PDB file of N, CA and C in Angstrom:
ATOM      1  N   UNK A   1    -191.063  47.487 128.108  1.00  0.00           N
ATOM      2  CA  UNK A   1    -190.873  46.899 126.797  1.00  0.00           C
ATOM      3  C   UNK A   1    -192.228  46.873 126.086  1.00  0.00           C
ATOM      4  N   UNK A   2    -192.257  47.215 124.824  1.00  0.00           N
ATOM      5  CA  UNK A   2    -193.507  47.172 124.074  1.00  0.00           C
ATOM      6  C   UNK A   2    -194.077  45.743 124.032  1.00  0.00           C
ATOM      7  N   UNK A   3    -195.399  45.648 123.972  1.00  0.00           N
ATOM      8  CA  UNK A   3    -196.037  44.332 123.931  1.00  0.00           C
ATOM      9  C   UNK A   3    -197.380  44.436 123.217  1.00  0.00           C
ATOM     10  N   UNK A   4    -197.929  43.273 122.883  1.00  0.00           N
ATOM     11  CA  UNK A   4    -199.261  43.200 122.298  1.00  0.00           C
ATOM     12  C   UNK A   4    -199.849  41.837 122.583  1.00  0.00           C
ATOM     13  N   UNK A   5    -201.165  41.742 122.385  1.00  0.00           N
ATOM     14  CA  UNK A   5    -201.867  40.466 122.563  1.00  0.00           C
ATOM     15  C   UNK A   5    -202.300  39.963 121.198  1.00  0.00           C
ATOM     16  N   UNK A   6    -201.987  38.704 120.901  1.00  0.00           N
ATOM     17  CA  UNK A   6    -202.441  38.062 119.672  1.00  0.00           C
ATOM     18  C   UNK A   6    -203.947  37.891 119.792  1.00  0.00           C
ATOM     19  N   UNK A   7    -204.699  38.508 118.904  1.00  0.00           N
ATOM     20  CA  UNK A   7    -206.159  38.554 119.039  1.00  0.00           C
ATOM     21  C   UNK A   7    -206.807  37.171 118.981  1.00  0.00           C
ATOM     22  N   UNK A   8    -206.263  36.259 118.188  1.00  0.00           N
ATOM     23  CA  UNK A   8    -206.886  34.936 118.031  1.00  0.00           C
ATOM     24  C   UNK A   8    -206.612  34.008 119.205  1.00  0.00           C
ATOM     25  N   UNK A   9    -205.403  34.080 119.782  1.00  0.00           N
ATOM     26  CA  UNK A   9    -205.017  33.131 120.828  1.00  0.00           C
ATOM     27  C   UNK A   9    -205.045  33.721 122.232  1.00  0.00           C
ATOM     28  N   UNK A  10    -205.011  35.063 122.343  1.00  0.00           N
ATOM     29  CA  UNK A  10    -204.977  35.696 123.653  1.00  0.00           C
ATOM     30  C   UNK A  10    -203.603  35.699 124.306  1.00  0.00           C
ATOM     31  N   UNK A  11    -202.582  35.263 123.584  1.00  0.00           N
ATOM     32  CA  UNK A  11    -201.217  35.206 124.115  1.00  0.00           C
ATOM     33  C   UNK A  11    -200.563  36.580 123.969  1.00  0.00           C
ATOM     34  N   UNK A  12    -199.882  37.032 125.039  1.00  0.00           N
ATOM     35  CA  UNK A  12    -199.146  38.292 124.993  1.00  0.00           C
ATOM     36  C   UNK A  12    -197.730  38.060 124.491  1.00  0.00           C
ATOM     37  N   UNK A  13    -197.230  38.996 123.680  1.00  0.00           N
ATOM     38  CA  UNK A  13    -195.871  38.938 123.154  1.00  0.00           C
ATOM     39  C   UNK A  13    -195.186  40.266 123.419  1.00  0.00           C
ATOM     40  N   UNK A  14    -193.919  40.204 123.835  1.00  0.00           N
ATOM     41  CA  UNK A  14    -193.077  41.390 123.923  1.00  0.00           C
ATOM     42  C   UNK A  14    -192.362  41.552 122.593  1.00  0.00           C
ATOM     43  N   UNK A  15    -192.029  42.792 122.253  1.00  0.00           N
ATOM     44  CA  UNK A  15    -191.239  43.020 121.045  1.00  0.00           C
ATOM     45  C   UNK A  15    -190.334  44.216 121.251  1.00  0.00           C
ATOM     46  N   UNK A  16    -189.357  44.364 120.380  1.00  0.00           N
ATOM     47  CA  UNK A  16    -188.406  45.457 120.487  1.00  0.00           C
ATOM     48  C   UNK A  16    -187.859  45.763 119.103  1.00  0.00           C
ATOM     49  N   UNK A  17    -187.091  46.847 119.002  1.00  0.00           N
ATOM     50  CA  UNK A  17    -186.416  47.144 117.743  1.00  0.00           C
ATOM     51  C   UNK A  17    -185.358  46.078 117.476  1.00  0.00           C
ATOM     52  N   UNK A  18    -185.151  45.747 116.220  1.00  0.00           N
ATOM     53  CA  UNK A  18    -184.144  44.764 115.845  1.00  0.00           C
ATOM     54  C   UNK A  18    -182.764  45.355 116.088  1.00  0.00           C
ATOM     55  N   UNK A  19    -181.995  44.755 116.976  1.00  0.00           N
ATOM     56  CA  UNK A  19    -180.698  45.322 117.341  1.00  0.00           C
ATOM     57  C   UNK A  19    -179.651  45.113 116.240  1.00  0.00           C
ATOM     58  N   UNK A  20    -179.845  44.128 115.377  1.00  0.00           N
ATOM     59  CA  UNK A  20    -178.897  43.880 114.297  1.00  0.00           C
ATOM     60  C   UNK A  20    -179.239  44.643 113.032  1.00  0.00           C
ATOM     61  N   UNK A  21    -180.238  45.495 113.108  1.00  0.00           N
ATOM     62  CA  UNK A  21    -180.676  46.238 111.936  1.00  0.00           C
ATOM     63  C   UNK A  21    -181.951  45.657 111.360  1.00  0.00           C
ATOM     64  N   UNK A  22    -182.595  46.459 110.541  1.00  0.00           N
ATOM     65  CA  UNK A  22    -183.842  46.039 109.912  1.00  0.00           C
ATOM     66  C   UNK A  22    -183.577  44.942 108.888  1.00  0.00           C
ATOM     67  N   UNK A  23    -184.565  44.099 108.689  1.00  0.00           N
ATOM     68  CA  UNK A  23    -184.545  43.115 107.610  1.00  0.00           C
ATOM     69  C   UNK A  23    -185.413  43.692 106.497  1.00  0.00           C
ATOM     70  N   UNK A  24    -184.893  43.756 105.286  1.00  0.00           N
ATOM     71  CA  UNK A  24    -185.653  44.257 104.144  1.00  0.00           C
ATOM     72  C   UNK A  24    -185.812  43.115 103.153  1.00  0.00           C
ATOM     73  N   UNK A  25    -187.055  42.781 102.846  1.00  0.00           N
ATOM     74  CA  UNK A  25    -187.339  41.717 101.891  1.00  0.00           C
ATOM     75  C   UNK A  25    -187.780  42.330 100.575  1.00  0.00           C
ATOM     76  N   UNK A  26    -187.252  41.782  99.497  1.00  0.00           N
ATOM     77  CA  UNK A  26    -187.625  42.240  98.157  1.00  0.00           C
ATOM     78  C   UNK A  26    -189.077  41.870  97.890  1.00  0.00           C
ATOM     79  N   UNK A  27    -189.690  42.544  96.941  1.00  0.00           N
ATOM     80  CA  UNK A  27    -191.089  42.226  96.633  1.00  0.00           C
ATOM     81  C   UNK A  27    -191.208  40.824  96.037  1.00  0.00           C
ATOM     82  N   UNK A  28    -192.370  40.209  96.204  1.00  0.00           N
ATOM     83  CA  UNK A  28    -192.594  38.895  95.617  1.00  0.00           C
ATOM     84  C   UNK A  28    -192.626  38.986  94.097  1.00  0.00           C
ATOM     85  N   UNK A  29    -192.473  37.846  93.402  1.00  0.00           N
ATOM     86  CA  UNK A  29    -192.434  37.857  91.942  1.00  0.00           C
ATOM     87  C   UNK A  29    -193.672  38.460  91.288  1.00  0.00           C
ATOM     88  N   UNK A  30    -194.840  38.392  91.967  1.00  0.00           N
ATOM     89  CA  UNK A  30    -196.066  38.908  91.373  1.00  0.00           C
ATOM     90  C   UNK A  30    -196.191  40.419  91.525  1.00  0.00           C
ATOM     91  N   UNK A  31    -195.171  41.064  92.126  1.00  0.00           N
ATOM     92  CA  UNK A  31    -195.181  42.521  92.242  1.00  0.00           C
ATOM     93  C   UNK A  31    -195.291  42.984  93.668  1.00  0.00           C
ATOM     94  N   UNK A  32    -195.219  44.276  93.835  1.00  0.00           N
ATOM     95  CA  UNK A  32    -195.294  44.853  95.171  1.00  0.00           C
ATOM     96  C   UNK A  32    -194.106  45.752  95.426  1.00  0.00           C
ATOM     97  N   UNK A  33    -193.741  45.870  96.693  1.00  0.00           N
ATOM     98  CA  UNK A  33    -192.616  46.736  97.060  1.00  0.00           C
ATOM     99  C   UNK A  33    -191.789  46.046  98.136  1.00  0.00           C
ATOM    100  N   UNK A  34    -190.588  46.581  98.358  1.00  0.00           N
ATOM    101  CA  UNK A  34    -189.768  46.085  99.453  1.00  0.00           C
ATOM    102  C   UNK A  34    -190.492  46.320 100.774  1.00  0.00           C
ATOM    103  N   UNK A  35    -190.356  45.390 101.706  1.00  0.00           N
ATOM    104  CA  UNK A  35    -190.977  45.533 103.013  1.00  0.00           C
ATOM    105  C   UNK A  35    -189.880  45.453 104.064  1.00  0.00           C
ATOM    106  N   UNK A  36    -189.890  46.401 104.997  1.00  0.00           N
ATOM    107  CA  UNK A  36    -188.908  46.438 106.075  1.00  0.00           C
ATOM    108  C   UNK A  36    -189.525  45.848 107.339  1.00  0.00           C
ATOM    109  N   UNK A  37    -188.769  44.973 108.002  1.00  0.00           N
ATOM    110  CA  UNK A  37    -189.195  44.345 109.254  1.00  0.00           C
ATOM    111  C   UNK A  37    -188.275  44.858 110.361  1.00  0.00           C
ATOM    112  N   UNK A  38    -188.652  45.968 111.031  1.00  0.00           N
ATOM    113  CA  UNK A  38    -187.749  46.627 111.971  1.00  0.00           C
ATOM    114  C   UNK A  38    -187.822  46.115 113.416  1.00  0.00           C
ATOM    115  N   UNK A  39    -188.630  45.104 113.686  1.00  0.00           N
ATOM    116  CA  UNK A  39    -188.828  44.636 115.057  1.00  0.00           C
ATOM    117  C   UNK A  39    -188.458  43.164 115.201  1.00  0.00           C
ATOM    118  N   UNK A  40    -188.283  42.759 116.459  1.00  0.00           N
ATOM    119  CA  UNK A  40    -188.198  41.340 116.802  1.00  0.00           C
ATOM    120  C   UNK A  40    -189.287  41.057 117.831  1.00  0.00           C
ATOM    121  N   UNK A  41    -190.024  39.979 117.620  1.00  0.00           N
ATOM    122  CA  UNK A  41    -191.061  39.534 118.546  1.00  0.00           C
ATOM    123  C   UNK A  41    -190.483  38.360 119.320  1.00  0.00           C
ATOM    124  N   UNK A  42    -190.522  38.448 120.647  1.00  0.00           N
ATOM    125  CA  UNK A  42    -189.968  37.389 121.495  1.00  0.00           C
ATOM    126  C   UNK A  42    -191.033  36.335 121.761  1.00  0.00           C
ATOM    127  N   UNK A  43    -190.654  35.080 121.554  1.00  0.00           N
ATOM    128  CA  UNK A  43    -191.588  33.968 121.717  1.00  0.00           C
ATOM    129  C   UNK A  43    -191.499  33.418 123.127  1.00  0.00           C
ATOM    130  N   UNK A  44    -192.626  33.017 123.655  1.00  0.00           N
ATOM    131  CA  UNK A  44    -192.666  32.426 124.992  1.00  0.00           C
ATOM    132  C   UNK A  44    -192.269  30.953 124.950  1.00  0.00           C
ATOM    133  N   UNK A  45    -192.537  30.297 123.823  1.00  0.00           N
ATOM    134  CA  UNK A  45    -192.275  28.875 123.666  1.00  0.00           C
ATOM    135  C   UNK A  45    -191.121  28.707 122.681  1.00  0.00           C
ATOM    136  N   UNK A  46    -189.953  28.316 123.176  1.00  0.00           N
ATOM    137  CA  UNK A  46    -188.776  28.216 122.324  1.00  0.00           C
ATOM    138  C   UNK A  46    -188.576  26.815 121.761  1.00  0.00           C
ATOM    139  N   UNK A  47    -189.591  25.978 121.807  1.00  0.00           N
ATOM    140  CA  UNK A  47    -189.491  24.613 121.307  1.00  0.00           C
ATOM    141  C   UNK A  47    -189.252  24.610 119.803  1.00  0.00           C
ATOM    142  N   UNK A  48    -189.787  25.588 119.092  1.00  0.00           N
ATOM    143  CA  UNK A  48    -189.739  25.602 117.636  1.00  0.00           C
ATOM    144  C   UNK A  48    -188.557  26.386 117.082  1.00  0.00           C
ATOM    145  N   UNK A  49    -187.440  26.450 117.780  1.00  0.00           N
ATOM    146  CA  UNK A  49    -186.261  27.135 117.250  1.00  0.00           C
ATOM    147  C   UNK A  49    -185.927  28.377 118.034  1.00  0.00           C
ATOM    148  N   UNK A  50    -185.389  29.364 117.344  1.00  0.00           N
ATOM    149  CA  UNK A  50    -184.932  30.587 118.014  1.00  0.00           C
ATOM    150  C   UNK A  50    -186.059  31.240 118.788  1.00  0.00           C
ATOM    151  N   UNK A  51    -185.698  31.976 119.822  1.00  0.00           N
ATOM    152  CA  UNK A  51    -186.689  32.559 120.718  1.00  0.00           C
ATOM    153  C   UNK A  51    -187.252  33.890 120.265  1.00  0.00           C
ATOM    154  N   UNK A  52    -187.067  34.244 118.990  1.00  0.00           N
ATOM    155  CA  UNK A  52    -187.603  35.496 118.472  1.00  0.00           C
ATOM    156  C   UNK A  52    -187.828  35.366 116.974  1.00  0.00           C
ATOM    157  N   UNK A  53    -188.607  36.291 116.453  1.00  0.00           N
ATOM    158  CA  UNK A  53    -188.880  36.344 115.009  1.00  0.00           C
ATOM    159  C   UNK A  53    -188.834  37.799 114.552  1.00  0.00           C
ATOM    160  N   UNK A  54    -188.366  38.033 113.335  1.00  0.00           N
ATOM    161  CA  UNK A  54    -188.425  39.377 112.755  1.00  0.00           C
ATOM    162  C   UNK A  54    -189.877  39.710 112.454  1.00  0.00           C
ATOM    163  N   UNK A  55    -190.230  40.989 112.621  1.00  0.00           N
ATOM    164  CA  UNK A  55    -191.631  41.388 112.442  1.00  0.00           C
ATOM    165  C   UNK A  55    -191.743  42.865 112.090  1.00  0.00           C
ATOM    166  N   UNK A  56    -192.911  43.196 111.610  1.00  0.00           N
ATOM    167  CA  UNK A  56    -193.330  44.583 111.410  1.00  0.00           C
ATOM    168  C   UNK A  56    -194.596  44.747 112.244  1.00  0.00           C
ATOM    169  N   UNK A  57    -194.496  45.484 113.362  1.00  0.00           N
ATOM    170  CA  UNK A  57    -195.619  45.648 114.278  1.00  0.00           C
ATOM    171  C   UNK A  57    -196.236  47.016 114.040  1.00  0.00           C
ATOM    172  N   UNK A  58    -197.527  47.015 113.731  1.00  0.00           N
ATOM    173  CA  UNK A  58    -198.280  48.255 113.548  1.00  0.00           C
ATOM    174  C   UNK A  58    -199.323  48.366 114.654  1.00  0.00           C
ATOM    175  N   UNK A  59    -200.230  49.317 114.545  1.00  0.00           N
ATOM    176  CA  UNK A  59    -201.207  49.560 115.613  1.00  0.00           C
ATOM    177  C   UNK A  59    -202.097  48.348 115.889  1.00  0.00           C
ATOM    178  N   UNK A  60    -202.687  47.747 114.864  1.00  0.00           N
ATOM    179  CA  UNK A  60    -203.632  46.653 115.076  1.00  0.00           C
ATOM    180  C   UNK A  60    -203.257  45.349 114.397  1.00  0.00           C
ATOM    181  N   UNK A  61    -202.047  45.301 113.840  1.00  0.00           N
ATOM    182  CA  UNK A  61    -201.631  44.101 113.122  1.00  0.00           C
ATOM    183  C   UNK A  61    -200.113  43.959 113.212  1.00  0.00           C
ATOM    184  N   UNK A  62    -199.662  42.716 113.205  1.00  0.00           N
ATOM    185  CA  UNK A  62    -198.225  42.434 113.153  1.00  0.00           C
ATOM    186  C   UNK A  62    -197.980  41.458 112.007  1.00  0.00           C
ATOM    187  N   UNK A  63    -196.961  41.733 111.207  1.00  0.00           N
ATOM    188  CA  UNK A  63    -196.539  40.827 110.146  1.00  0.00           C
ATOM    189  C   UNK A  63    -195.273  40.156 110.642  1.00  0.00           C
ATOM    190  N   UNK A  64    -195.331  38.835 110.853  1.00  0.00           N
ATOM    191  CA  UNK A  64    -194.251  38.101 111.503  1.00  0.00           C
ATOM    192  C   UNK A  64    -193.687  37.066 110.539  1.00  0.00           C
ATOM    193  N   UNK A  65    -192.361  37.079 110.378  1.00  0.00           N
ATOM    194  CA  UNK A  65    -191.694  36.065 109.555  1.00  0.00           C
ATOM    195  C   UNK A  65    -191.573  34.819 110.420  1.00  0.00           C
ATOM    196  N   UNK A  66    -192.354  33.791 110.107  1.00  0.00           N
ATOM    197  CA  UNK A  66    -192.425  32.615 110.965  1.00  0.00           C
ATOM    198  C   UNK A  66    -191.604  31.436 110.469  1.00  0.00           C
ATOM    199  N   UNK A  67    -191.242  31.427 109.188  1.00  0.00           N
ATOM    200  CA  UNK A  67    -190.526  30.274 108.649  1.00  0.00           C
ATOM    201  C   UNK A  67    -189.952  30.649 107.296  1.00  0.00           C
ATOM    202  N   UNK A  68    -189.201  29.733 106.715  1.00  0.00           N
ATOM    203  CA  UNK A  68    -188.740  29.920 105.347  1.00  0.00           C
ATOM    204  C   UNK A  68    -188.743  28.576 104.642  1.00  0.00           C
ATOM    205  N   UNK A  69    -188.952  28.621 103.351  1.00  0.00           N
ATOM    206  CA  UNK A  69    -188.973  27.426 102.510  1.00  0.00           C
ATOM    207  C   UNK A  69    -188.025  27.638 101.342  1.00  0.00           C
ATOM    208  N   UNK A  70    -187.457  26.556 100.852  1.00  0.00           N
ATOM    209  CA  UNK A  70    -186.587  26.648  99.681  1.00  0.00           C
ATOM    210  C   UNK A  70    -187.212  25.860  98.546  1.00  0.00           C
ATOM    211  N   UNK A  71    -187.231  26.467  97.382  1.00  0.00           N
ATOM    212  CA  UNK A  71    -187.774  25.826  96.194  1.00  0.00           C
ATOM    213  C   UNK A  71    -186.913  26.212  95.005  1.00  0.00           C
ATOM    214  N   UNK A  72    -186.345  25.227  94.348  1.00  0.00           N
ATOM    215  CA  UNK A  72    -185.494  25.457  93.178  1.00  0.00           C
ATOM    216  C   UNK A  72    -184.365  26.428  93.481  1.00  0.00           C
ATOM    217  N   UNK A  73    -183.773  26.325  94.666  1.00  0.00           N
ATOM    218  CA  UNK A  73    -182.652  27.163  95.041  1.00  0.00           C
ATOM    219  C   UNK A  73    -183.019  28.553  95.517  1.00  0.00           C
ATOM    220  N   UNK A  74    -184.308  28.864  95.568  1.00  0.00           N
ATOM    221  CA  UNK A  74    -184.769  30.176  96.025  1.00  0.00           C
ATOM    222  C   UNK A  74    -185.393  30.015  97.411  1.00  0.00           C
ATOM    223  N   UNK A  75    -184.995  30.894  98.341  1.00  0.00           N
ATOM    224  CA  UNK A  75    -185.538  30.852  99.697  1.00  0.00           C
ATOM    225  C   UNK A  75    -186.717  31.817  99.789  1.00  0.00           C
ATOM    226  N   UNK A  76    -187.845  31.297 100.268  1.00  0.00           N
ATOM    227  CA  UNK A  76    -189.071  32.097 100.434  1.00  0.00           C
ATOM    228  C   UNK A  76    -189.372  32.218 101.915  1.00  0.00           C
ATOM    229  N   UNK A  77    -189.613  33.429 102.381  1.00  0.00           N
ATOM    230  CA  UNK A  77    -190.007  33.636 103.768  1.00  0.00           C
ATOM    231  C   UNK A  77    -191.507  33.456 103.911  1.00  0.00           C
ATOM    232  N   UNK A  78    -191.904  32.784 104.978  1.00  0.00           N
ATOM    233  CA  UNK A  78    -193.319  32.602 105.296  1.00  0.00           C
ATOM    234  C   UNK A  78    -193.694  33.706 106.289  1.00  0.00           C
ATOM    235  N   UNK A  79    -194.635  34.561 105.888  1.00  0.00           N
ATOM    236  CA  UNK A  79    -195.022  35.703 106.707  1.00  0.00           C
ATOM    237  C   UNK A  79    -196.482  35.544 107.108  1.00  0.00           C
ATOM    238  N   UNK A  80    -196.726  35.612 108.418  1.00  0.00           N
ATOM    239  CA  UNK A  80    -198.091  35.520 108.931  1.00  0.00           C
ATOM    240  C   UNK A  80    -198.581  36.898 109.337  1.00  0.00           C
ATOM    241  N   UNK A  81    -199.852  37.143 109.091  1.00  0.00           N
ATOM    242  CA  UNK A  81    -200.498  38.381 109.525  1.00  0.00           C
ATOM    243  C   UNK A  81    -201.247  38.072 110.806  1.00  0.00           C
ATOM    244  N   UNK A  82    -200.850  38.708 111.894  1.00  0.00           N
ATOM    245  CA  UNK A  82    -201.486  38.520 113.189  1.00  0.00           C
ATOM    246  C   UNK A  82    -202.308  39.753 113.533  1.00  0.00           C
ATOM    247  N   UNK A  83    -203.599  39.595 113.760  1.00  0.00           N
ATOM    248  CA  UNK A  83    -204.406  40.675 114.330  1.00  0.00           C
ATOM    249  C   UNK A  83    -204.015  40.792 115.786  1.00  0.00           C
ATOM    250  N   UNK A  84    -203.795  42.017 116.256  1.00  0.00           N
ATOM    251  CA  UNK A  84    -203.353  42.208 117.629  1.00  0.00           C
ATOM    252  C   UNK A  84    -204.244  43.220 118.344  1.00  0.00           C
ATOM    253  N   UNK A  85    -204.212  43.140 119.672  1.00  0.00           N
ATOM    254  CA  UNK A  85    -204.938  44.102 120.500  1.00  0.00           C
ATOM    255  C   UNK A  85    -204.080  44.365 121.741  1.00  0.00           C
ATOM    256  N   UNK A  86    -204.550  45.228 122.594  1.00  0.00           N
ATOM    257  CA  UNK A  86    -203.813  45.588 123.827  1.00  0.00           C
ATOM    258  C   UNK A  86    -202.378  45.961 123.513  1.00  0.00           C
ATOM    259  N   UNK A  87    -202.196  46.725 122.432  1.00  0.00           N
ATOM    260  CA  UNK A  87    -200.862  47.135 121.987  1.00  0.00           C
ATOM    261  C   UNK A  87    -200.334  48.224 122.925  1.00  0.00           C
ATOM    262  N   UNK A  88    -199.204  47.963 123.550  1.00  0.00           N
ATOM    263  CA  UNK A  88    -198.574  48.923 124.445  1.00  0.00           C
ATOM    264  C   UNK A  88    -197.195  49.238 123.908  1.00  0.00           C
ATOM    265  N   UNK A  89    -196.978  50.497 123.558  1.00  0.00           N
ATOM    266  CA  UNK A  89    -195.652  50.919 123.099  1.00  0.00           C
ATOM    267  C   UNK A  89    -194.819  51.295 124.299  1.00  0.00           C
ATOM    268  N   UNK A  90    -193.585  50.789 124.327  1.00  0.00           N
ATOM    269  CA  UNK A  90    -192.695  51.018 125.461  1.00  0.00           C
ATOM    270  C   UNK A  90    -192.314  52.382 125.602  1.00  0.00           C
TER     271      UNK A  90
END
């Protein structure tokens, strides 16, 4: 299974292709383009909800959807940029 190490914390994460299909998010109001999140990152600590998160994993960085917020009836996804190392493709 593919994996990587979070550069800041040293924690290893496994990831895989999203079995339910890619998640595509529309661009933010300030502009940009649609972004596809074709992976799921499996969490070691399931205390904070589901045991996985949608993500876009590249060679040295992973963009992980970690949360969502609602404001005025609009849902906003919170996306974190994780620097990664020891990236192993399955």
